């Protein structure tokens, strides 16, 4: 593995602090989750939201409506996904393989394969998709990228890291849902901010890392 300092520089802006907090074990899981949400909001702002989100979400919603309208599928039949998957690919191409669009497309494909017909309305489906996009971004920028190093330098085993990661994501869930709702309401926002932390106090390390105003 590369030198730790060099490795930390591979994280995108905003996510390096999240990794330092995790690797140094100086924050609670709630505080670390809040730092992830702040980094997520920064990522979304800098990428101007998620181009093509509405189009991809509409494709997912249409598939679910088709499942509901045809009793065969409700009884366990298989709905062909070739057309909706091709439509998602067209959206990716329309936005010139934009990274955020690709994340949304990948999330939508996984969502379509896993969903077997639910009672969710279109709004809830789109919210769930938005949450998955946000979580996939966190996995891409932090959890997946830092997992091996955290095992080596903090946890010792993948089982311990997995339990820790699961708990951090649980702590993130309320704020992640609010952030996903902001993305859903304005997919092209350049001003999206992390939700209020609800009174969670910042750690000493977080205060040290904050830039002077």
N, C-alpha and C. Protein backbone atom coordinates (compact mmCIF):
# COMPACT_ATOMS: atom_id res chain seq x y z
N UNK A 1 0.83 -1.20 0.00
CA UNK A 1 0.00 0.00 0.00
C UNK A 1 0.87 1.25 0.00
N UNK A 2 0.41 2.37 -0.59
CA UNK A 2 1.21 3.59 -0.61
C UNK A 2 1.33 4.21 0.78
N UNK A 3 2.27 5.13 0.93
CA UNK A 3 2.44 5.88 2.16
C UNK A 3 1.12 6.50 2.60
N UNK A 4 0.89 6.57 3.93
CA UNK A 4 -0.40 7.06 4.42
C UNK A 4 -0.67 8.49 3.98
N UNK A 5 0.35 9.36 4.02
CA UNK A 5 0.14 10.74 3.60
C UNK A 5 -0.24 10.82 2.13
N UNK A 6 0.45 10.03 1.32
CA UNK A 6 0.12 9.99 -0.11
C UNK A 6 -1.29 9.44 -0.32
N UNK A 7 -1.62 8.43 0.47
CA UNK A 7 -2.95 7.83 0.34
C UNK A 7 -4.04 8.84 0.68
N UNK A 8 -3.85 9.62 1.74
CA UNK A 8 -4.87 10.59 2.12
C UNK A 8 -5.11 11.61 1.01
N UNK A 9 -4.08 11.90 0.24
CA UNK A 9 -4.23 12.89 -0.84
C UNK A 9 -5.06 12.36 -2.00
N UNK A 10 -5.31 11.05 -2.03
CA UNK A 10 -6.15 10.50 -3.10
C UNK A 10 -7.63 10.78 -2.86
N UNK A 11 -7.99 11.22 -1.65
CA UNK A 11 -9.39 11.54 -1.37
C UNK A 11 -9.73 12.90 -1.95
N UNK A 12 -10.97 13.04 -2.40
CA UNK A 12 -11.43 14.32 -2.93
C UNK A 12 -11.52 15.34 -1.80
N UNK A 13 -11.51 16.61 -2.19
CA UNK A 13 -11.61 17.68 -1.20
C UNK A 13 -12.86 17.49 -0.34
N UNK A 14 -12.70 17.65 0.96
CA UNK A 14 -13.81 17.44 1.87
C UNK A 14 -13.81 16.05 2.48
N UNK A 15 -13.35 15.07 1.72
CA UNK A 15 -13.34 13.69 2.20
C UNK A 15 -12.06 13.34 2.93
N UNK A 16 -11.00 14.11 2.73
CA UNK A 16 -9.75 13.82 3.47
C UNK A 16 -9.97 13.98 4.96
N UNK A 17 -10.70 15.02 5.35
CA UNK A 17 -10.98 15.24 6.77
C UNK A 17 -11.79 14.09 7.34
N UNK A 18 -12.74 13.58 6.55
CA UNK A 18 -13.54 12.44 7.01
C UNK A 18 -12.63 11.25 7.28
N UNK A 19 -11.69 11.00 6.36
CA UNK A 19 -10.79 9.87 6.56
C UNK A 19 -9.91 10.09 7.78
N UNK A 20 -9.39 11.30 7.96
CA UNK A 20 -8.53 11.56 9.12
C UNK A 20 -9.29 11.33 10.43
N UNK A 21 -10.54 11.76 10.46
CA UNK A 21 -11.36 11.53 11.65
C UNK A 21 -11.54 10.04 11.92
N UNK A 22 -11.76 9.29 10.84
CA UNK A 22 -11.99 7.85 10.99
C UNK A 22 -10.69 7.13 11.36
N UNK A 23 -9.61 7.45 10.69
CA UNK A 23 -8.35 6.77 10.92
C UNK A 23 -7.79 7.09 12.31
N UNK A 24 -8.06 8.33 12.79
CA UNK A 24 -7.55 8.72 14.09
C UNK A 24 -8.44 8.31 15.24
N UNK A 25 -9.66 7.84 14.95
CA UNK A 25 -10.59 7.36 15.99
C UNK A 25 -10.85 8.43 17.04
N UNK A 26 -10.94 9.71 16.61
CA UNK A 26 -11.13 10.79 17.58
C UNK A 26 -12.58 11.25 17.65
N UNK A 27 -13.43 10.73 16.80
CA UNK A 27 -14.83 11.16 16.76
C UNK A 27 -15.76 9.99 17.02
N UNK A 28 -16.94 10.32 17.55
CA UNK A 28 -17.97 9.30 17.68
C UNK A 28 -18.49 8.96 16.29
N UNK A 29 -19.20 7.85 16.18
CA UNK A 29 -19.77 7.47 14.89
C UNK A 29 -20.79 8.50 14.41
N UNK A 30 -21.50 9.12 15.35
CA UNK A 30 -22.46 10.17 14.97
C UNK A 30 -21.74 11.37 14.37
N UNK A 31 -20.64 11.77 14.99
CA UNK A 31 -19.87 12.91 14.47
C UNK A 31 -19.26 12.59 13.12
N UNK A 32 -18.77 11.37 12.98
CA UNK A 32 -18.19 10.97 11.70
C UNK A 32 -19.26 10.93 10.61
N UNK A 33 -20.45 10.44 10.95
CA UNK A 33 -21.55 10.44 10.00
C UNK A 33 -21.90 11.84 9.55
N UNK A 34 -21.91 12.78 10.50
CA UNK A 34 -22.20 14.18 10.16
C UNK A 34 -21.14 14.75 9.23
N UNK A 35 -19.87 14.37 9.46
CA UNK A 35 -18.80 14.84 8.58
C UNK A 35 -18.97 14.28 7.17
N UNK A 36 -19.45 13.03 7.07
CA UNK A 36 -19.73 12.44 5.75
C UNK A 36 -20.81 13.22 5.02
N UNK A 37 -21.85 13.61 5.75
CA UNK A 37 -22.95 14.36 5.14
C UNK A 37 -22.46 15.71 4.64
N UNK A 38 -21.61 16.38 5.42
CA UNK A 38 -21.04 17.66 5.00
C UNK A 38 -20.22 17.48 3.72
N UNK A 39 -19.42 16.43 3.66
CA UNK A 39 -18.61 16.16 2.46
C UNK A 39 -19.50 15.82 1.27
N UNK A 40 -20.56 15.07 1.52
CA UNK A 40 -21.51 14.74 0.45
C UNK A 40 -22.13 16.00 -0.15
N UNK A 41 -22.56 16.91 0.74
CA UNK A 41 -23.18 18.15 0.27
C UNK A 41 -22.19 18.95 -0.58
N UNK A 42 -20.93 18.99 -0.15
CA UNK A 42 -19.89 19.70 -0.91
C UNK A 42 -19.70 19.06 -2.29
N UNK A 43 -19.68 17.74 -2.33
CA UNK A 43 -19.53 17.03 -3.59
C UNK A 43 -20.68 17.36 -4.53
N UNK A 44 -21.90 17.37 -4.01
CA UNK A 44 -23.08 17.66 -4.82
C UNK A 44 -23.07 19.10 -5.32
N UNK A 45 -22.64 20.03 -4.45
CA UNK A 45 -22.56 21.43 -4.88
C UNK A 45 -21.58 21.60 -6.03
N UNK A 46 -20.41 21.01 -5.86
CA UNK A 46 -19.34 21.22 -6.83
C UNK A 46 -19.63 20.53 -8.16
N UNK A 47 -20.47 19.49 -8.12
CA UNK A 47 -20.83 18.80 -9.37
C UNK A 47 -22.11 19.37 -9.98
N UNK A 48 -22.63 20.45 -9.35
CA UNK A 48 -23.89 21.08 -9.78
C UNK A 48 -25.04 20.07 -9.73
N UNK A 49 -25.08 19.36 -8.60
CA UNK A 49 -26.15 18.39 -8.41
C UNK A 49 -25.90 17.13 -9.21
N UNK A 50 -26.97 16.60 -9.75
CA UNK A 50 -26.88 15.34 -10.49
C UNK A 50 -27.60 15.48 -11.83
N UNK A 51 -26.88 15.86 -12.89
CA UNK A 51 -27.51 15.99 -14.21
C UNK A 51 -28.20 14.70 -14.63
N UNK A 52 -29.42 14.82 -15.12
CA UNK A 52 -30.15 13.65 -15.59
C UNK A 52 -30.91 12.91 -14.50
N UNK A 53 -30.86 13.41 -13.26
CA UNK A 53 -31.52 12.69 -12.16
C UNK A 53 -33.02 12.50 -12.44
N UNK A 54 -33.69 13.58 -12.84
CA UNK A 54 -35.14 13.48 -13.06
C UNK A 54 -35.49 12.46 -14.13
N UNK A 55 -34.69 12.42 -15.19
CA UNK A 55 -34.96 11.47 -16.27
C UNK A 55 -34.75 10.03 -15.81
N UNK A 56 -33.68 9.80 -15.06
CA UNK A 56 -33.40 8.46 -14.55
C UNK A 56 -34.47 8.04 -13.54
N UNK A 57 -34.85 8.97 -12.65
CA UNK A 57 -35.88 8.66 -11.66
C UNK A 57 -37.21 8.34 -12.33
N UNK A 58 -37.51 9.03 -13.42
CA UNK A 58 -38.77 8.78 -14.13
C UNK A 58 -38.77 7.39 -14.76
N UNK A 59 -37.62 6.95 -15.27
CA UNK A 59 -37.51 5.61 -15.83
C UNK A 59 -37.80 4.56 -14.76
N UNK A 60 -37.20 4.74 -13.60
CA UNK A 60 -37.42 3.82 -12.48
C UNK A 60 -38.89 3.81 -12.07
N UNK A 61 -39.48 4.98 -11.98
CA UNK A 61 -40.88 5.09 -11.59
C UNK A 61 -41.80 4.42 -12.60
N UNK A 62 -41.50 4.58 -13.87
CA UNK A 62 -42.33 3.96 -14.92
C UNK A 62 -42.27 2.44 -14.86
N UNK A 63 -41.10 1.90 -14.55
CA UNK A 63 -40.97 0.44 -14.42
C UNK A 63 -41.84 -0.05 -13.27
N UNK A 64 -41.81 0.66 -12.16
CA UNK A 64 -42.61 0.25 -11.01
C UNK A 64 -44.11 0.34 -11.32
N UNK A 65 -44.51 1.38 -12.05
CA UNK A 65 -45.92 1.51 -12.42
C UNK A 65 -46.34 0.35 -13.33
N UNK A 66 -45.45 -0.05 -14.23
CA UNK A 66 -45.76 -1.17 -15.11
C UNK A 66 -45.89 -2.46 -14.33
N UNK A 67 -45.05 -2.63 -13.34
CA UNK A 67 -45.14 -3.82 -12.49
C UNK A 67 -46.49 -3.87 -11.78
N UNK A 68 -46.93 -2.72 -11.29
CA UNK A 68 -48.18 -2.67 -10.55
C UNK A 68 -49.38 -2.90 -11.45
N UNK A 69 -49.28 -2.48 -12.71
CA UNK A 69 -50.43 -2.53 -13.61
C UNK A 69 -50.65 -3.90 -14.23
N UNK A 70 -49.66 -4.78 -14.10
CA UNK A 70 -49.77 -6.09 -14.73
C UNK A 70 -49.73 -7.19 -13.67
N UNK A 71 -50.86 -7.84 -13.40
CA UNK A 71 -50.96 -8.85 -12.35
C UNK A 71 -49.91 -9.96 -12.47
N UNK A 72 -49.49 -10.28 -13.69
CA UNK A 72 -48.51 -11.34 -13.86
C UNK A 72 -47.24 -11.01 -13.09
N UNK A 73 -46.79 -9.76 -13.18
CA UNK A 73 -45.57 -9.36 -12.51
C UNK A 73 -45.76 -9.31 -11.01
N UNK A 74 -46.97 -8.88 -10.58
CA UNK A 74 -47.27 -8.84 -9.16
C UNK A 74 -47.26 -10.24 -8.57
N UNK A 75 -47.58 -11.25 -9.40
CA UNK A 75 -47.62 -12.64 -8.93
C UNK A 75 -46.27 -13.33 -9.04
N UNK A 76 -45.24 -12.57 -9.42
CA UNK A 76 -43.90 -13.15 -9.47
C UNK A 76 -43.34 -13.31 -10.87
N UNK A 77 -44.06 -12.81 -11.86
CA UNK A 77 -43.53 -12.88 -13.22
C UNK A 77 -42.33 -11.98 -13.39
N UNK A 78 -41.63 -12.14 -14.49
CA UNK A 78 -40.41 -11.38 -14.72
C UNK A 78 -40.67 -10.28 -15.76
N UNK A 79 -40.37 -9.07 -15.37
CA UNK A 79 -40.52 -7.93 -16.28
C UNK A 79 -39.19 -7.69 -16.98
N UNK A 80 -39.22 -7.61 -18.31
CA UNK A 80 -37.99 -7.35 -19.04
C UNK A 80 -37.48 -5.95 -18.74
N UNK A 81 -36.21 -5.86 -18.40
CA UNK A 81 -35.61 -4.57 -18.07
C UNK A 81 -34.74 -4.04 -19.20
N UNK A 82 -34.77 -4.72 -20.35
CA UNK A 82 -33.86 -4.31 -21.43
C UNK A 82 -34.13 -2.89 -21.89
N UNK A 83 -35.40 -2.52 -22.05
CA UNK A 83 -35.72 -1.16 -22.52
C UNK A 83 -35.37 -0.10 -21.48
N UNK A 84 -35.81 -0.25 -20.22
CA UNK A 84 -35.43 0.78 -19.24
C UNK A 84 -33.93 0.89 -19.03
N UNK A 85 -33.22 -0.22 -19.07
CA UNK A 85 -31.77 -0.16 -18.92
C UNK A 85 -31.12 0.56 -20.10
N UNK A 86 -31.67 0.32 -21.29
CA UNK A 86 -31.17 1.03 -22.47
C UNK A 86 -31.47 2.53 -22.36
N UNK A 87 -32.63 2.87 -21.81
CA UNK A 87 -33.00 4.28 -21.64
C UNK A 87 -32.06 4.97 -20.65
N UNK A 88 -31.70 4.26 -19.59
CA UNK A 88 -30.77 4.81 -18.61
C UNK A 88 -29.41 5.06 -19.28
N UNK A 89 -29.00 4.13 -20.12
CA UNK A 89 -27.74 4.29 -20.83
C UNK A 89 -27.79 5.52 -21.74
N UNK A 90 -28.93 5.77 -22.35
CA UNK A 90 -29.08 6.94 -23.22
C UNK A 90 -28.94 8.23 -22.41
N UNK A 91 -29.46 8.23 -21.19
CA UNK A 91 -29.32 9.41 -20.33
C UNK A 91 -27.84 9.64 -20.02
N UNK A 92 -27.12 8.57 -19.72
CA UNK A 92 -25.67 8.70 -19.47
C UNK A 92 -24.97 9.35 -20.67
N UNK A 93 -25.31 8.88 -21.85
CA UNK A 93 -24.68 9.41 -23.06
C UNK A 93 -25.09 10.85 -23.31
N UNK A 94 -26.32 11.18 -22.99
CA UNK A 94 -26.81 12.54 -23.18
C UNK A 94 -26.00 13.54 -22.37
N UNK A 95 -25.62 13.12 -21.16
CA UNK A 95 -24.85 14.01 -20.29
C UNK A 95 -23.35 13.71 -20.36
N UNK A 96 -22.94 13.11 -21.46
CA UNK A 96 -21.53 12.93 -21.78
C UNK A 96 -20.76 12.23 -20.66
N UNK A 97 -21.35 11.18 -20.16
CA UNK A 97 -20.68 10.34 -19.15
C UNK A 97 -20.31 11.14 -17.90
N UNK A 98 -21.12 12.16 -17.57
CA UNK A 98 -20.89 12.93 -16.36
C UNK A 98 -20.79 11.98 -15.16
N UNK A 99 -19.80 12.21 -14.29
CA UNK A 99 -19.56 11.28 -13.17
C UNK A 99 -20.79 11.11 -12.30
N UNK A 100 -21.46 12.22 -11.98
CA UNK A 100 -22.64 12.13 -11.12
C UNK A 100 -23.77 11.39 -11.81
N UNK A 101 -23.91 11.62 -13.11
CA UNK A 101 -24.94 10.91 -13.87
C UNK A 101 -24.65 9.42 -13.89
N UNK A 102 -23.38 9.06 -14.00
CA UNK A 102 -22.99 7.65 -13.99
C UNK A 102 -23.29 7.01 -12.63
N UNK A 103 -23.06 7.76 -11.56
CA UNK A 103 -23.39 7.24 -10.22
C UNK A 103 -24.90 7.00 -10.11
N UNK A 104 -25.68 7.97 -10.60
CA UNK A 104 -27.13 7.83 -10.57
C UNK A 104 -27.59 6.66 -11.42
N UNK A 105 -26.98 6.49 -12.59
CA UNK A 105 -27.36 5.39 -13.48
C UNK A 105 -27.04 4.04 -12.85
N UNK A 106 -25.88 3.95 -12.23
CA UNK A 106 -25.49 2.69 -11.58
C UNK A 106 -26.45 2.38 -10.42
N UNK A 107 -26.81 3.42 -9.66
CA UNK A 107 -27.75 3.22 -8.55
C UNK A 107 -29.11 2.78 -9.07
N UNK A 108 -29.55 3.38 -10.18
CA UNK A 108 -30.85 3.03 -10.75
C UNK A 108 -30.87 1.60 -11.26
N UNK A 109 -29.78 1.17 -11.89
CA UNK A 109 -29.72 -0.21 -12.38
C UNK A 109 -29.80 -1.20 -11.22
N UNK A 110 -29.06 -0.93 -10.16
CA UNK A 110 -29.11 -1.81 -8.99
C UNK A 110 -30.50 -1.78 -8.37
N UNK A 111 -31.10 -0.61 -8.35
CA UNK A 111 -32.43 -0.44 -7.77
C UNK A 111 -33.46 -1.25 -8.55
N UNK A 112 -33.40 -1.19 -9.87
CA UNK A 112 -34.35 -1.92 -10.70
C UNK A 112 -34.22 -3.43 -10.53
N UNK A 113 -33.00 -3.90 -10.42
CA UNK A 113 -32.77 -5.34 -10.28
C UNK A 113 -33.28 -5.84 -8.93
N UNK A 114 -33.10 -5.03 -7.88
CA UNK A 114 -33.49 -5.46 -6.53
C UNK A 114 -34.97 -5.32 -6.28
N UNK A 115 -35.59 -4.27 -6.82
CA UNK A 115 -37.01 -4.04 -6.58
C UNK A 115 -37.84 -5.08 -7.32
N UNK A 116 -38.72 -5.74 -6.59
CA UNK A 116 -39.58 -6.77 -7.19
C UNK A 116 -41.06 -6.39 -7.13
N UNK A 117 -41.29 -5.11 -7.00
CA UNK A 117 -42.68 -4.66 -6.88
C UNK A 117 -42.97 -4.29 -5.45
N UNK A 118 -43.33 -3.03 -5.19
CA UNK A 118 -43.60 -2.58 -3.83
C UNK A 118 -44.87 -1.74 -3.84
N UNK A 119 -45.29 -1.34 -2.66
CA UNK A 119 -46.45 -0.47 -2.54
C UNK A 119 -46.04 1.00 -2.54
N UNK A 120 -44.77 1.27 -2.74
CA UNK A 120 -44.29 2.65 -2.72
C UNK A 120 -44.89 3.46 -3.86
N UNK A 121 -45.23 4.72 -3.55
CA UNK A 121 -45.67 5.62 -4.59
C UNK A 121 -44.47 6.17 -5.34
N UNK A 122 -44.74 6.92 -6.42
CA UNK A 122 -43.65 7.45 -7.25
C UNK A 122 -42.72 8.34 -6.44
N UNK A 123 -43.31 9.17 -5.56
CA UNK A 123 -42.49 10.08 -4.76
C UNK A 123 -41.55 9.33 -3.85
N UNK A 124 -42.05 8.28 -3.21
CA UNK A 124 -41.20 7.51 -2.29
C UNK A 124 -40.12 6.75 -3.05
N UNK A 125 -40.46 6.23 -4.23
CA UNK A 125 -39.46 5.55 -5.04
C UNK A 125 -38.33 6.49 -5.41
N UNK A 126 -38.67 7.71 -5.82
CA UNK A 126 -37.65 8.68 -6.20
C UNK A 126 -36.81 9.09 -5.00
N UNK A 127 -37.44 9.21 -3.83
CA UNK A 127 -36.69 9.51 -2.61
C UNK A 127 -35.71 8.38 -2.30
N UNK A 128 -36.18 7.14 -2.42
CA UNK A 128 -35.31 6.00 -2.16
C UNK A 128 -34.12 5.96 -3.13
N UNK A 129 -34.41 6.28 -4.38
CA UNK A 129 -33.34 6.32 -5.38
C UNK A 129 -32.34 7.42 -5.05
N UNK A 130 -32.84 8.58 -4.65
CA UNK A 130 -31.97 9.69 -4.29
C UNK A 130 -31.09 9.32 -3.10
N UNK A 131 -31.66 8.63 -2.12
CA UNK A 131 -30.88 8.18 -0.96
C UNK A 131 -29.80 7.19 -1.38
N UNK A 132 -30.15 6.31 -2.30
CA UNK A 132 -29.15 5.33 -2.77
C UNK A 132 -28.01 6.02 -3.50
N UNK A 133 -28.34 7.04 -4.29
CA UNK A 133 -27.30 7.80 -4.98
C UNK A 133 -26.35 8.43 -3.97
N UNK A 134 -26.91 9.05 -2.93
CA UNK A 134 -26.09 9.70 -1.91
C UNK A 134 -25.21 8.67 -1.18
N UNK A 135 -25.80 7.52 -0.85
CA UNK A 135 -25.03 6.49 -0.16
C UNK A 135 -23.94 5.92 -1.06
N UNK A 136 -24.25 5.74 -2.33
CA UNK A 136 -23.25 5.26 -3.29
C UNK A 136 -22.09 6.25 -3.40
N UNK A 137 -22.41 7.54 -3.34
CA UNK A 137 -21.36 8.56 -3.38
C UNK A 137 -20.45 8.45 -2.16
N UNK A 138 -21.06 8.24 -0.99
CA UNK A 138 -20.26 8.07 0.23
C UNK A 138 -19.38 6.83 0.13
N UNK A 139 -19.92 5.76 -0.45
CA UNK A 139 -19.12 4.54 -0.64
C UNK A 139 -17.96 4.80 -1.60
N UNK A 140 -18.25 5.54 -2.68
CA UNK A 140 -17.21 5.81 -3.68
C UNK A 140 -16.10 6.69 -3.13
N UNK A 141 -16.49 7.75 -2.42
CA UNK A 141 -15.51 8.74 -1.98
C UNK A 141 -14.82 8.37 -0.67
N UNK A 142 -15.47 7.56 0.17
CA UNK A 142 -14.88 7.32 1.47
C UNK A 142 -14.84 5.85 1.89
N UNK A 143 -15.99 5.22 2.08
CA UNK A 143 -15.99 3.88 2.67
C UNK A 143 -15.23 2.87 1.82
N UNK A 144 -15.56 2.80 0.54
CA UNK A 144 -14.88 1.85 -0.32
C UNK A 144 -13.42 2.17 -0.51
N UNK A 145 -13.10 3.45 -0.61
CA UNK A 145 -11.72 3.87 -0.85
C UNK A 145 -10.85 3.65 0.39
N UNK A 146 -11.41 3.86 1.56
CA UNK A 146 -10.60 3.80 2.78
C UNK A 146 -10.65 2.48 3.52
N UNK A 147 -11.48 1.55 3.08
CA UNK A 147 -11.73 0.32 3.84
C UNK A 147 -10.45 -0.45 4.17
N UNK A 148 -9.63 -0.74 3.17
CA UNK A 148 -8.43 -1.53 3.42
C UNK A 148 -7.46 -0.83 4.38
N UNK A 149 -7.31 0.47 4.20
CA UNK A 149 -6.41 1.21 5.08
C UNK A 149 -6.93 1.25 6.51
N UNK A 150 -8.23 1.40 6.67
CA UNK A 150 -8.80 1.44 8.01
C UNK A 150 -8.63 0.10 8.71
N UNK A 151 -8.77 -0.98 7.94
CA UNK A 151 -8.52 -2.30 8.53
C UNK A 151 -7.07 -2.40 9.00
N UNK A 152 -6.16 -1.93 8.17
CA UNK A 152 -4.74 -2.04 8.50
C UNK A 152 -4.33 -1.15 9.65
N UNK A 153 -4.84 0.10 9.67
CA UNK A 153 -4.33 1.08 10.61
C UNK A 153 -5.22 1.33 11.82
N UNK A 154 -6.44 0.77 11.81
CA UNK A 154 -7.29 1.01 12.97
C UNK A 154 -7.97 -0.25 13.50
N UNK A 155 -8.62 -1.01 12.63
CA UNK A 155 -9.50 -2.07 13.11
C UNK A 155 -8.83 -3.44 13.24
N UNK A 156 -7.97 -3.77 12.33
CA UNK A 156 -7.31 -5.07 12.41
C UNK A 156 -8.00 -6.17 11.65
N UNK A 157 -9.32 -6.15 11.59
CA UNK A 157 -10.06 -7.17 10.85
C UNK A 157 -11.17 -6.52 10.03
N UNK A 158 -11.54 -7.16 8.93
CA UNK A 158 -12.63 -6.63 8.11
C UNK A 158 -13.96 -6.73 8.83
N UNK A 159 -14.12 -7.73 9.71
CA UNK A 159 -15.36 -7.87 10.45
C UNK A 159 -15.59 -6.67 11.36
N UNK A 160 -14.53 -6.21 12.04
CA UNK A 160 -14.67 -5.05 12.91
C UNK A 160 -14.95 -3.79 12.10
N UNK A 161 -14.26 -3.65 10.96
CA UNK A 161 -14.51 -2.48 10.10
C UNK A 161 -15.94 -2.50 9.58
N UNK A 162 -16.43 -3.69 9.20
CA UNK A 162 -17.78 -3.81 8.66
C UNK A 162 -18.83 -3.40 9.69
N UNK A 163 -18.64 -3.81 10.94
CA UNK A 163 -19.57 -3.44 12.00
C UNK A 163 -19.55 -1.93 12.24
N UNK A 164 -18.34 -1.36 12.24
CA UNK A 164 -18.20 0.09 12.41
C UNK A 164 -18.87 0.84 11.27
N UNK A 165 -18.60 0.41 10.03
CA UNK A 165 -19.17 1.07 8.85
C UNK A 165 -20.69 1.01 8.88
N UNK A 166 -21.23 -0.15 9.26
CA UNK A 166 -22.68 -0.31 9.35
C UNK A 166 -23.27 0.68 10.35
N UNK A 167 -22.61 0.85 11.49
CA UNK A 167 -23.13 1.76 12.51
C UNK A 167 -23.04 3.21 12.06
N UNK A 168 -21.94 3.58 11.40
CA UNK A 168 -21.81 4.96 10.90
C UNK A 168 -22.94 5.25 9.91
N UNK A 169 -23.24 4.30 9.03
CA UNK A 169 -24.29 4.52 8.03
C UNK A 169 -25.67 4.64 8.69
N UNK A 170 -25.88 3.89 9.78
CA UNK A 170 -27.13 4.03 10.53
C UNK A 170 -27.23 5.44 11.11
N UNK A 171 -26.12 5.93 11.68
CA UNK A 171 -26.11 7.27 12.26
C UNK A 171 -26.31 8.33 11.19
N UNK A 172 -25.86 8.06 9.97
CA UNK A 172 -25.99 9.01 8.86
C UNK A 172 -27.42 9.09 8.33
N UNK A 173 -28.20 8.04 8.51
CA UNK A 173 -29.47 7.87 7.79
C UNK A 173 -30.41 9.07 7.88
N UNK A 174 -30.71 9.63 9.08
CA UNK A 174 -31.65 10.76 9.12
C UNK A 174 -31.19 11.95 8.29
N UNK A 175 -29.91 12.33 8.43
CA UNK A 175 -29.40 13.48 7.67
C UNK A 175 -29.26 13.15 6.19
N UNK A 176 -28.89 11.90 5.89
CA UNK A 176 -28.77 11.50 4.49
C UNK A 176 -30.13 11.58 3.80
N UNK A 177 -31.19 11.20 4.50
CA UNK A 177 -32.54 11.28 3.92
C UNK A 177 -32.92 12.72 3.62
N UNK A 178 -32.54 13.63 4.52
CA UNK A 178 -32.84 15.05 4.30
C UNK A 178 -32.03 15.60 3.12
N UNK A 179 -30.77 15.20 3.05
CA UNK A 179 -29.94 15.65 1.93
C UNK A 179 -30.47 15.10 0.61
N UNK A 180 -30.89 13.83 0.62
CA UNK A 180 -31.46 13.22 -0.58
C UNK A 180 -32.74 13.94 -1.00
N UNK A 181 -33.52 14.39 -0.04
CA UNK A 181 -34.74 15.14 -0.35
C UNK A 181 -34.41 16.46 -1.03
N UNK A 182 -33.33 17.11 -0.57
CA UNK A 182 -32.89 18.35 -1.21
C UNK A 182 -32.47 18.08 -2.66
N UNK A 183 -31.76 16.99 -2.86
CA UNK A 183 -31.34 16.63 -4.22
C UNK A 183 -32.55 16.33 -5.09
N UNK A 184 -33.53 15.64 -4.53
CA UNK A 184 -34.74 15.30 -5.26
C UNK A 184 -35.51 16.56 -5.67
N UNK A 185 -35.58 17.53 -4.78
CA UNK A 185 -36.34 18.76 -5.06
C UNK A 185 -35.63 19.66 -6.06
N UNK A 186 -34.31 19.62 -6.05
CA UNK A 186 -33.54 20.48 -6.97
C UNK A 186 -32.29 19.73 -7.42
N UNK A 187 -32.44 18.82 -8.39
CA UNK A 187 -31.32 17.97 -8.81
C UNK A 187 -30.13 18.72 -9.39
N UNK A 188 -30.32 19.96 -9.82
CA UNK A 188 -29.24 20.72 -10.43
C UNK A 188 -28.75 21.85 -9.53
N UNK A 189 -28.97 21.70 -8.23
CA UNK A 189 -28.62 22.75 -7.29
C UNK A 189 -27.12 22.94 -7.16
N UNK A 190 -26.69 24.20 -7.08
CA UNK A 190 -25.29 24.51 -6.80
C UNK A 190 -25.15 25.09 -5.40
N UNK A 191 -26.23 25.05 -4.63
CA UNK A 191 -26.22 25.65 -3.29
C UNK A 191 -26.63 24.65 -2.21
N UNK A 192 -26.71 23.38 -2.55
CA UNK A 192 -27.15 22.38 -1.59
C UNK A 192 -26.21 22.33 -0.39
N UNK A 193 -26.80 22.32 0.81
CA UNK A 193 -26.04 22.32 2.05
C UNK A 193 -26.42 21.14 2.91
N UNK A 194 -25.52 20.76 3.80
CA UNK A 194 -25.82 19.67 4.72
C UNK A 194 -26.94 20.10 5.66
N UNK A 195 -27.84 19.19 6.01
CA UNK A 195 -28.91 19.52 6.95
C UNK A 195 -28.33 19.90 8.31
N UNK A 196 -29.14 20.61 9.08
CA UNK A 196 -28.74 20.95 10.44
C UNK A 196 -28.40 19.69 11.22
N UNK A 197 -27.35 19.76 12.00
CA UNK A 197 -26.89 18.58 12.72
C UNK A 197 -27.71 18.26 13.96
N UNK A 198 -28.72 19.04 14.24
CA UNK A 198 -29.62 18.72 15.34
C UNK A 198 -28.96 18.75 16.70
N UNK A 199 -28.02 19.67 16.87
CA UNK A 199 -27.43 19.85 18.18
C UNK A 199 -26.23 18.96 18.47
N UNK A 200 -25.79 18.13 17.50
CA UNK A 200 -24.62 17.30 17.73
C UNK A 200 -23.39 18.20 17.85
N UNK A 201 -22.67 18.07 18.93
CA UNK A 201 -21.49 18.90 19.13
C UNK A 201 -20.34 18.42 18.26
N UNK A 202 -19.57 19.36 17.77
CA UNK A 202 -18.41 19.01 16.97
C UNK A 202 -17.28 18.52 17.88
N UNK A 203 -16.50 17.59 17.37
CA UNK A 203 -15.35 17.11 18.12
C UNK A 203 -14.25 18.16 18.10
N UNK A 204 -13.29 18.00 19.03
CA UNK A 204 -12.15 18.91 19.06
C UNK A 204 -11.39 18.89 17.75
N UNK A 205 -11.23 17.67 17.18
CA UNK A 205 -10.50 17.56 15.91
C UNK A 205 -11.23 18.29 14.79
N UNK A 206 -12.58 18.20 14.76
CA UNK A 206 -13.34 18.91 13.74
C UNK A 206 -13.16 20.42 13.86
N UNK A 207 -13.15 20.93 15.10
CA UNK A 207 -12.97 22.36 15.31
C UNK A 207 -11.58 22.80 14.87
N UNK A 208 -10.59 21.96 15.14
CA UNK A 208 -9.22 22.28 14.72
C UNK A 208 -9.12 22.34 13.21
N UNK A 209 -9.82 21.40 12.52
CA UNK A 209 -9.72 21.30 11.07
C UNK A 209 -10.51 22.38 10.34
N UNK A 210 -11.43 23.07 11.04
CA UNK A 210 -12.24 24.08 10.37
C UNK A 210 -11.37 25.24 9.92
N UNK A 211 -11.60 25.76 8.69
CA UNK A 211 -10.84 26.92 8.23
C UNK A 211 -11.22 28.18 9.00
N UNK A 212 -10.27 29.07 9.17
CA UNK A 212 -10.56 30.34 9.84
C UNK A 212 -11.39 31.21 8.91
N UNK A 213 -12.40 31.86 9.45
CA UNK A 213 -13.24 32.74 8.62
C UNK A 213 -12.69 34.15 8.60
